[in-house]
PDB file of all heavy atoms in Angstrom:
ATOM      1  N   ASP A   1       8.501   1.191  -4.873  1.00  0.00           N
ATOM      2  CA  ASP A   1       9.081   2.210  -5.664  1.00  0.00           C
ATOM      3  C   ASP A   1       8.911   1.823  -7.148  1.00  0.00           C
ATOM      4  O   ASP A   1       9.373   0.701  -7.615  1.00  0.00           O
ATOM      5  CB  ASP A   1      10.640   2.296  -5.373  1.00  0.00           C
ATOM      6  CG  ASP A   1      11.316   3.367  -6.150  1.00  0.00           C
ATOM      7  OD1 ASP A   1      10.669   4.403  -6.543  1.00  0.00           O
ATOM      8  OD2 ASP A   1      12.521   3.234  -6.525  1.00  0.00           O
ATOM      9  N   PHE A   2       8.118   2.600  -7.906  1.00  0.00           N
ATOM     10  CA  PHE A   2       7.884   2.462  -9.314  1.00  0.00           C
ATOM     11  C   PHE A   2       8.301   3.727 -10.097  1.00  0.00           C
ATOM     12  O   PHE A   2       7.416   4.578 -10.473  1.00  0.00           O
ATOM     13  CB  PHE A   2       6.435   2.017  -9.535  1.00  0.00           C
ATOM     14  CG  PHE A   2       5.975   0.774  -8.812  1.00  0.00           C
ATOM     15  CD1 PHE A   2       5.504   0.822  -7.485  1.00  0.00           C
ATOM     16  CD2 PHE A   2       6.025  -0.456  -9.451  1.00  0.00           C
ATOM     17  CE1 PHE A   2       5.181  -0.340  -6.833  1.00  0.00           C
ATOM     18  CE2 PHE A   2       5.684  -1.640  -8.782  1.00  0.00           C
ATOM     19  CZ  PHE A   2       5.242  -1.573  -7.508  1.00  0.00           C
ATOM     20  N   PRO A   3       9.578   3.848 -10.361  1.00  0.00           N
ATOM     21  CA  PRO A   3      10.041   5.143 -10.961  1.00  0.00           C
ATOM     22  C   PRO A   3       9.524   5.434 -12.257  1.00  0.00           C
ATOM     23  O   PRO A   3       9.582   6.517 -12.726  1.00  0.00           O
ATOM     24  CB  PRO A   3      11.548   4.926 -10.940  1.00  0.00           C
ATOM     25  CG  PRO A   3      11.743   3.451 -10.886  1.00  0.00           C
ATOM     26  CD  PRO A   3      10.648   2.945 -10.047  1.00  0.00           C
ATOM     27  N   ALA A   4       9.138   4.400 -13.076  1.00  0.00           N
ATOM     28  CA  ALA A   4       8.552   4.679 -14.454  1.00  0.00           C
ATOM     29  C   ALA A   4       7.107   5.330 -14.424  1.00  0.00           C
ATOM     30  O   ALA A   4       6.757   5.830 -15.506  1.00  0.00           O
ATOM     31  CB  ALA A   4       8.449   3.436 -15.241  1.00  0.00           C
ATOM     32  N   VAL A   5       6.583   5.446 -13.209  1.00  0.00           N
ATOM     33  CA  VAL A   5       5.268   6.202 -13.193  1.00  0.00           C
ATOM     34  C   VAL A   5       5.426   7.704 -12.944  1.00  0.00           C
ATOM     35  O   VAL A   5       5.009   8.475 -13.827  1.00  0.00           O
ATOM     36  CB  VAL A   5       4.267   5.550 -12.191  1.00  0.00           C
ATOM     37  CG1 VAL A   5       2.948   6.380 -12.160  1.00  0.00           C
ATOM     38  CG2 VAL A   5       3.926   4.108 -12.525  1.00  0.00           C
ATOM     39  N   PRO A   6       6.131   8.159 -11.857  1.00  0.00           N
ATOM     40  CA  PRO A   6       6.553   7.449 -10.713  1.00  0.00           C
ATOM     41  C   PRO A   6       5.564   7.360  -9.560  1.00  0.00           C
ATOM     42  O   PRO A   6       4.832   8.267  -9.326  1.00  0.00           O
ATOM     43  CB  PRO A   6       7.857   8.247 -10.284  1.00  0.00           C
ATOM     44  CG  PRO A   6       7.521   9.655 -10.665  1.00  0.00           C
ATOM     45  CD  PRO A   6       6.564   9.585 -11.831  1.00  0.00           C
ATOM     46  N   TYR A   7       5.624   6.251  -8.861  1.00  0.00           N
ATOM     47  CA  TYR A   7       4.966   6.032  -7.569  1.00  0.00           C
ATOM     48  C   TYR A   7       5.939   5.658  -6.472  1.00  0.00           C
ATOM     49  O   TYR A   7       7.069   5.070  -6.816  1.00  0.00           O
ATOM     50  CB  TYR A   7       3.915   4.840  -7.625  1.00  0.00           C
ATOM     51  CG  TYR A   7       2.700   5.160  -8.361  1.00  0.00           C
ATOM     52  CD1 TYR A   7       2.117   4.085  -9.114  1.00  0.00           C
ATOM     53  CD2 TYR A   7       1.974   6.341  -8.251  1.00  0.00           C
ATOM     54  CE1 TYR A   7       0.958   4.288  -9.901  1.00  0.00           C
ATOM     55  CE2 TYR A   7       0.753   6.565  -9.031  1.00  0.00           C
ATOM     56  CZ  TYR A   7       0.294   5.530  -9.732  1.00  0.00           C
ATOM     57  OH  TYR A   7      -0.864   5.707 -10.455  1.00  0.00           O
ATOM     58  N   SER A   8       5.729   6.187  -5.287  1.00  0.00           N
ATOM     59  CA  SER A   8       6.567   5.792  -4.146  1.00  0.00           C
ATOM     60  C   SER A   8       5.736   5.270  -2.962  1.00  0.00           C
ATOM     61  O   SER A   8       4.506   5.075  -3.198  1.00  0.00           O
ATOM     62  CB  SER A   8       7.270   7.077  -3.620  1.00  0.00           C
ATOM     63  OG  SER A   8       6.396   7.893  -2.992  1.00  0.00           O
ATOM     64  N   TYR A   9       6.386   4.956  -1.806  1.00  0.00           N
ATOM     65  CA  TYR A   9       5.587   4.413  -0.758  1.00  0.00           C
ATOM     66  C   TYR A   9       4.472   5.397  -0.293  1.00  0.00           C
ATOM     67  O   TYR A   9       3.515   4.954   0.467  1.00  0.00           O
ATOM     68  CB  TYR A   9       6.592   4.119   0.453  1.00  0.00           C
ATOM     69  CG  TYR A   9       7.110   5.380   1.126  1.00  0.00           C
ATOM     70  CD1 TYR A   9       6.472   5.903   2.237  1.00  0.00           C
ATOM     71  CD2 TYR A   9       8.231   6.048   0.593  1.00  0.00           C
ATOM     72  CE1 TYR A   9       6.951   7.034   2.867  1.00  0.00           C
ATOM     73  CE2 TYR A   9       8.700   7.236   1.122  1.00  0.00           C
ATOM     74  CZ  TYR A   9       8.029   7.719   2.276  1.00  0.00           C
ATOM     75  OH  TYR A   9       8.547   8.793   2.854  1.00  0.00           O
ATOM     76  N   LEU A  10       4.567   6.637  -0.656  1.00  0.00           N
ATOM     77  CA  LEU A  10       3.569   7.581  -0.249  1.00  0.00           C
ATOM     78  C   LEU A  10       2.210   7.371  -1.030  1.00  0.00           C
ATOM     79  O   LEU A  10       1.176   7.909  -0.578  1.00  0.00           O
ATOM     80  CB  LEU A  10       4.048   9.062  -0.561  1.00  0.00           C
ATOM     81  CG  LEU A  10       5.285   9.485   0.246  1.00  0.00           C
ATOM     82  CD1 LEU A  10       5.818  10.801  -0.339  1.00  0.00           C
ATOM     83  CD2 LEU A  10       4.925   9.586   1.697  1.00  0.00           C
ATOM     84  N   ASP A  11       2.215   6.584  -2.043  1.00  0.00           N
ATOM     85  CA  ASP A  11       1.044   6.518  -2.875  1.00  0.00           C
ATOM     86  C   ASP A  11       0.329   5.228  -2.716  1.00  0.00           C
ATOM     87  O   ASP A  11      -0.581   4.916  -3.572  1.00  0.00           O
ATOM     88  CB  ASP A  11       1.536   6.529  -4.411  1.00  0.00           C
ATOM     89  CG  ASP A  11       2.242   7.847  -4.654  1.00  0.00           C
ATOM     90  OD1 ASP A  11       1.804   8.917  -4.243  1.00  0.00           O
ATOM     91  OD2 ASP A  11       3.364   7.844  -5.304  1.00  0.00           O
ATOM     92  N   PHE A  12       0.425   4.606  -1.626  1.00  0.00           N
ATOM     93  CA  PHE A  12      -0.239   3.302  -1.379  1.00  0.00           C
ATOM     94  C   PHE A  12      -1.033   3.416  -0.022  1.00  0.00           C
ATOM     95  O   PHE A  12      -0.886   4.211   0.725  1.00  0.00           O
ATOM     96  CB  PHE A  12       0.734   2.103  -1.423  1.00  0.00           C
ATOM     97  CG  PHE A  12       1.414   1.900  -2.730  1.00  0.00           C
ATOM     98  CD1 PHE A  12       2.506   2.588  -3.088  1.00  0.00           C
ATOM     99  CD2 PHE A  12       0.782   1.073  -3.742  1.00  0.00           C
ATOM    100  CE1 PHE A  12       3.020   2.468  -4.375  1.00  0.00           C
ATOM    101  CE2 PHE A  12       1.272   0.953  -4.911  1.00  0.00           C
ATOM    102  CZ  PHE A  12       2.485   1.568  -5.265  1.00  0.00           C
ATOM    103  N   ASN A  13      -1.947   2.388   0.036  1.00  0.00           N
ATOM    104  CA  ASN A  13      -2.974   2.428   1.128  1.00  0.00           C
ATOM    105  C   ASN A  13      -2.573   1.771   2.403  1.00  0.00           C
ATOM    106  O   ASN A  13      -3.450   1.723   3.350  1.00  0.00           O
ATOM    107  CB  ASN A  13      -4.217   1.705   0.556  1.00  0.00           C
ATOM    108  CG  ASN A  13      -5.278   2.678   0.039  1.00  0.00           C
ATOM    109  OD1 ASN A  13      -5.228   3.831   0.392  1.00  0.00           O
ATOM    110  ND2 ASN A  13      -6.146   2.175  -0.852  1.00  0.00           N
ATOM    111  N   ASP A  14      -1.329   1.257   2.560  1.00  0.00           N
ATOM    112  CA  ASP A  14      -0.981   0.504   3.656  1.00  0.00           C
ATOM    113  C   ASP A  14      -1.445   1.049   5.027  1.00  0.00           C
ATOM    114  O   ASP A  14      -1.971   0.336   5.898  1.00  0.00           O
ATOM    115  CB  ASP A  14       0.475   0.287   3.677  1.00  0.00           C
ATOM    116  CG  ASP A  14       0.998  -0.582   2.586  1.00  0.00           C
ATOM    117  OD1 ASP A  14       0.275  -0.626   1.574  1.00  0.00           O
ATOM    118  OD2 ASP A  14       2.049  -1.217   2.639  1.00  0.00           O
ATOM    119  N   GLY A  15      -1.293   2.391   5.197  1.00  0.00           N
ATOM    120  CA  GLY A  15      -1.679   3.032   6.509  1.00  0.00           C
ATOM    121  C   GLY A  15      -3.150   2.971   6.802  1.00  0.00           C
ATOM    122  O   GLY A  15      -3.530   3.088   7.882  1.00  0.00           O
ATOM    123  N   LYS A  16      -3.993   2.709   5.781  1.00  0.00           N
ATOM    124  CA  LYS A  16      -5.381   2.656   6.024  1.00  0.00           C
ATOM    125  C   LYS A  16      -5.911   1.267   6.241  1.00  0.00           C
ATOM    126  O   LYS A  16      -7.138   1.091   6.560  1.00  0.00           O
ATOM    127  CB  LYS A  16      -6.190   3.390   4.838  1.00  0.00           C
ATOM    128  CG  LYS A  16      -5.932   4.757   4.708  1.00  0.00           C
ATOM    129  CD  LYS A  16      -6.877   5.445   3.732  1.00  0.00           C
ATOM    130  CE  LYS A  16      -6.840   4.816   2.316  1.00  0.00           C
ATOM    131  NZ  LYS A  16      -7.552   5.562   1.396  1.00  0.00           N
ATOM    132  N   CYS A  17      -5.142   0.327   6.001  1.00  0.00           N
ATOM    133  CA  CYS A  17      -5.563  -1.063   6.164  1.00  0.00           C
ATOM    134  C   CYS A  17      -5.526  -1.555   7.596  1.00  0.00           C
ATOM    135  O   CYS A  17      -4.473  -1.341   8.234  1.00  0.00           O
ATOM    136  CB  CYS A  17      -4.721  -2.008   5.235  1.00  0.00           C
ATOM    137  SG  CYS A  17      -5.208  -3.772   5.420  1.00  0.00           S
ATOM    138  N   SER A  18      -6.428  -2.184   8.058  1.00  0.00           N
ATOM    139  CA  SER A  18      -6.618  -2.478   9.440  1.00  0.00           C
ATOM    140  C   SER A  18      -6.140  -3.979   9.869  1.00  0.00           C
ATOM    141  O   SER A  18      -6.197  -4.309  10.987  1.00  0.00           O
ATOM    142  CB  SER A  18      -7.969  -2.318  10.047  1.00  0.00           C
ATOM    143  OG  SER A  18      -8.914  -3.074   9.299  1.00  0.00           O
ATOM    144  N   THR A  19      -5.781  -4.688   8.773  1.00  0.00           N
ATOM    145  CA  THR A  19      -5.429  -6.120   9.107  1.00  0.00           C
ATOM    146  C   THR A  19      -3.997  -6.258   9.326  1.00  0.00           C
ATOM    147  O   THR A  19      -3.198  -5.535   8.822  1.00  0.00           O
ATOM    148  CB  THR A  19      -5.871  -7.054   7.907  1.00  0.00           C
ATOM    149  OG1 THR A  19      -5.070  -6.755   6.761  1.00  0.00           O
ATOM    150  CG2 THR A  19      -7.338  -6.847   7.517  1.00  0.00           C
ATOM    151  N   ALA A  20      -3.660  -7.308  10.081  1.00  0.00           N
ATOM    152  CA  ALA A  20      -2.280  -7.585  10.462  1.00  0.00           C
ATOM    153  C   ALA A  20      -1.460  -7.989   9.195  1.00  0.00           C
ATOM    154  O   ALA A  20      -0.238  -7.573   9.121  1.00  0.00           O
ATOM    155  CB  ALA A  20      -2.167  -8.742  11.407  1.00  0.00           C
ATOM    156  N   SER A  21      -2.099  -8.645   8.223  1.00  0.00           N
ATOM    157  CA  SER A  21      -1.350  -9.102   7.110  1.00  0.00           C
ATOM    158  C   SER A  21      -1.155  -7.940   6.110  1.00  0.00           C
ATOM    159  O   SER A  21      -0.376  -8.103   5.193  1.00  0.00           O
ATOM    160  CB  SER A  21      -2.042 -10.264   6.464  1.00  0.00           C
ATOM    161  OG  SER A  21      -3.278  -9.932   6.002  1.00  0.00           O
ATOM    162  N   GLY A  22      -2.057  -6.955   6.163  1.00  0.00           N
ATOM    163  CA  GLY A  22      -2.098  -5.991   5.020  1.00  0.00           C
ATOM    164  C   GLY A  22      -2.999  -6.374   3.869  1.00  0.00           C
ATOM    165  O   GLY A  22      -3.170  -5.646   2.957  1.00  0.00           O
ATOM    166  N   ASN A  23      -3.514  -7.647   3.961  1.00  0.00           N
ATOM    167  CA  ASN A  23      -4.379  -8.173   2.847  1.00  0.00           C
ATOM    168  C   ASN A  23      -5.781  -8.214   3.373  1.00  0.00           C
ATOM    169  O   ASN A  23      -6.075  -8.129   4.515  1.00  0.00           O
ATOM    170  CB  ASN A  23      -3.951  -9.552   2.555  1.00  0.00           C
ATOM    171  CG  ASN A  23      -2.522  -9.669   1.893  1.00  0.00           C
ATOM    172  OD1 ASN A  23      -2.071  -8.670   1.227  1.00  0.00           O
ATOM    173  ND2 ASN A  23      -1.860 -10.745   2.162  1.00  0.00           N
ATOM    174  N   ILE A  24      -6.684  -8.235   2.385  1.00  0.00           N
ATOM    175  CA  ILE A  24      -8.121  -8.514   2.687  1.00  0.00           C
ATOM    176  C   ILE A  24      -8.318  -9.787   3.436  1.00  0.00           C
ATOM    177  O   ILE A  24      -7.902 -10.851   2.973  1.00  0.00           O
ATOM    178  CB  ILE A  24      -8.971  -8.392   1.516  1.00  0.00           C
ATOM    179  CG1 ILE A  24      -8.847  -7.124   0.704  1.00  0.00           C
ATOM    180  CG2 ILE A  24     -10.475  -8.633   1.794  1.00  0.00           C
ATOM    181  CD1 ILE A  24      -9.352  -7.118  -0.693  1.00  0.00           C
ATOM    182  N   GLU A  25      -8.935  -9.796   4.654  1.00  0.00           N
ATOM    183  CA  GLU A  25      -9.109 -11.002   5.353  1.00  0.00           C
ATOM    184  C   GLU A  25     -10.578 -11.225   5.576  1.00  0.00           C
ATOM    185  O   GLU A  25     -11.006 -12.386   5.870  1.00  0.00           O
ATOM    186  CB  GLU A  25      -8.412 -10.893   6.725  1.00  0.00           C
ATOM    187  CG  GLU A  25      -6.821 -10.814   6.594  1.00  0.00           C
ATOM    188  CD  GLU A  25      -6.206 -10.625   7.981  1.00  0.00           C
ATOM    189  OE1 GLU A  25      -6.853 -10.470   8.981  1.00  0.00           O
ATOM    190  OE2 GLU A  25      -4.981 -10.392   7.905  1.00  0.00           O
ATOM    191  N   ASN A  26     -11.464 -10.180   5.502  1.00  0.00           N
ATOM    192  CA  ASN A  26     -12.915 -10.377   5.768  1.00  0.00           C
ATOM    193  C   ASN A  26     -13.698  -9.709   4.710  1.00  0.00           C
ATOM    194  O   ASN A  26     -13.729  -8.409   4.746  1.00  0.00           O
ATOM    195  CB  ASN A  26     -13.229  -9.900   7.136  1.00  0.00           C
ATOM    196  CG  ASN A  26     -14.619  -9.846   7.450  1.00  0.00           C
ATOM    197  OD1 ASN A  26     -15.490 -10.508   6.745  1.00  0.00           O
ATOM    198  ND2 ASN A  26     -15.109  -9.111   8.476  1.00  0.00           N
TER     199      ASN A  26
END
C-alpha cells in the first residue's frame, strides 16, 4: 500500500512470478 502514489496490491507482479520466494532465483 503506497497511498501517496497511490499504488495497491493490484499494481505489483507477484502473481506472475514463478519462484517460491517471489525473488529472482535464476
